[in-house]
Amino acid sequence: MIILWVLVPLSLLLLGLATWAFFWAVDNNQFEQIEQDAQRSLDDEAL
């Protein structure tokens, strides 16, 4: 039962960290050209 006092705050901390990282990525335009970058990696002429 004592382990719950450790795991619950730890999971909430990790959830907060993941949420912060997601919003940071959105604010820094990390999701702008996902499809174009994928197509460029498959294009033979770009190499």
C-alpha atoms as a PDB file:
ATOM      1  CA  MET A   1       0.000   0.000   0.000  1.00  0.00           C
ATOM      2  CA  ILE A   2       2.958   2.293   0.634  1.00  0.00           C
ATOM      3  CA  ILE A   3       4.034   1.924  -2.998  1.00  0.00           C
ATOM      4  CA  LEU A   4       0.899   3.793  -4.105  1.00  0.00           C
ATOM      5  CA  TRP A   5       2.229   6.897  -2.348  1.00  0.00           C
ATOM      6  CA  VAL A   6       5.210   6.715  -4.703  1.00  0.00           C
ATOM      7  CA  LEU A   7       3.643   5.487  -7.940  1.00  0.00           C
ATOM      8  CA  VAL A   8       0.645   7.834  -8.085  1.00  0.00           C
ATOM      9  CA  PRO A   9       2.685  11.073  -7.821  1.00  0.00           C
ATOM     10  CA  LEU A  10       5.320   9.630 -10.143  1.00  0.00           C
ATOM     11  CA  SER A  11       2.713   8.809 -12.782  1.00  0.00           C
ATOM     12  CA  LEU A  12       1.181  12.278 -12.461  1.00  0.00           C
ATOM     13  CA  LEU A  13       4.620  13.816 -12.847  1.00  0.00           C
ATOM     14  CA  LEU A  14       5.296  11.770 -15.992  1.00  0.00           C
ATOM     15  CA  LEU A  15       1.879  12.681 -17.384  1.00  0.00           C
ATOM     16  CA  GLY A  16       2.621  16.358 -16.807  1.00  0.00           C
ATOM     17  CA  LEU A  17       6.026  16.012 -18.461  1.00  0.00           C
ATOM     18  CA  ALA A  18       4.524  14.296 -21.513  1.00  0.00           C
ATOM     19  CA  THR A  19       1.826  16.966 -21.791  1.00  0.00           C
ATOM     20  CA  TRP A  20       4.427  19.733 -21.560  1.00  0.00           C
ATOM     21  CA  ALA A  21       6.590  18.045 -24.215  1.00  0.00           C
ATOM     22  CA  PHE A  22       3.613  17.725 -26.570  1.00  0.00           C
ATOM     23  CA  PHE A  23       2.649  21.384 -26.266  1.00  0.00           C
ATOM     24  CA  TRP A  24       6.295  22.425 -26.618  1.00  0.00           C
ATOM     25  CA  ALA A  25       6.525  20.468 -29.872  1.00  0.00           C
ATOM     26  CA  VAL A  26       3.325  22.025 -31.187  1.00  0.00           C
ATOM     27  CA  ASP A  27       4.507  25.540 -30.294  1.00  0.00           C
ATOM     28  CA  ASN A  28       7.846  24.975 -32.038  1.00  0.00           C
ATOM     29  CA  ASN A  29       6.198  23.725 -35.254  1.00  0.00           C
ATOM     30  CA  GLN A  30       7.525  20.185 -34.979  1.00  0.00           C
ATOM     31  CA  PHE A  31       4.406  18.787 -36.682  1.00  0.00           C
ATOM     32  CA  GLU A  32       4.279  21.095 -39.698  1.00  0.00           C
ATOM     33  CA  GLN A  33       5.718  18.998 -42.548  1.00  0.00           C
ATOM     34  CA  ILE A  34       5.357  15.399 -41.478  1.00  0.00           C
ATOM     35  CA  GLU A  35       4.139  14.061 -44.838  1.00  0.00           C
ATOM     36  CA  GLN A  36       6.643  15.991 -46.948  1.00  0.00           C
ATOM     37  CA  ASP A  37       9.575  14.748 -44.890  1.00  0.00           C
ATOM     38  CA  ALA A  38       8.348  11.164 -45.190  1.00  0.00           C
ATOM     39  CA  GLN A  39       8.031  11.460 -48.949  1.00  0.00           C
ATOM     40  CA  ARG A  40      11.479  13.060 -49.238  1.00  0.00           C
ATOM     41  CA  SER A  41      13.083  10.112 -47.445  1.00  0.00           C
ATOM     42  CA  LEU A  42      11.528   7.730 -50.012  1.00  0.00           C
ATOM     43  CA  ASP A  43      12.435   9.832 -53.049  1.00  0.00           C
ATOM     44  CA  ASP A  44      15.394   8.431 -54.993  1.00  0.00           C
ATOM     45  CA  GLU A  45      16.328  11.764 -56.586  1.00  0.00           C
ATOM     46  CA  ALA A  46      16.783  13.505 -53.237  1.00  0.00           C
ATOM     47  CA  LEU A  47      19.670  11.195 -52.376  1.00  0.00           C
END
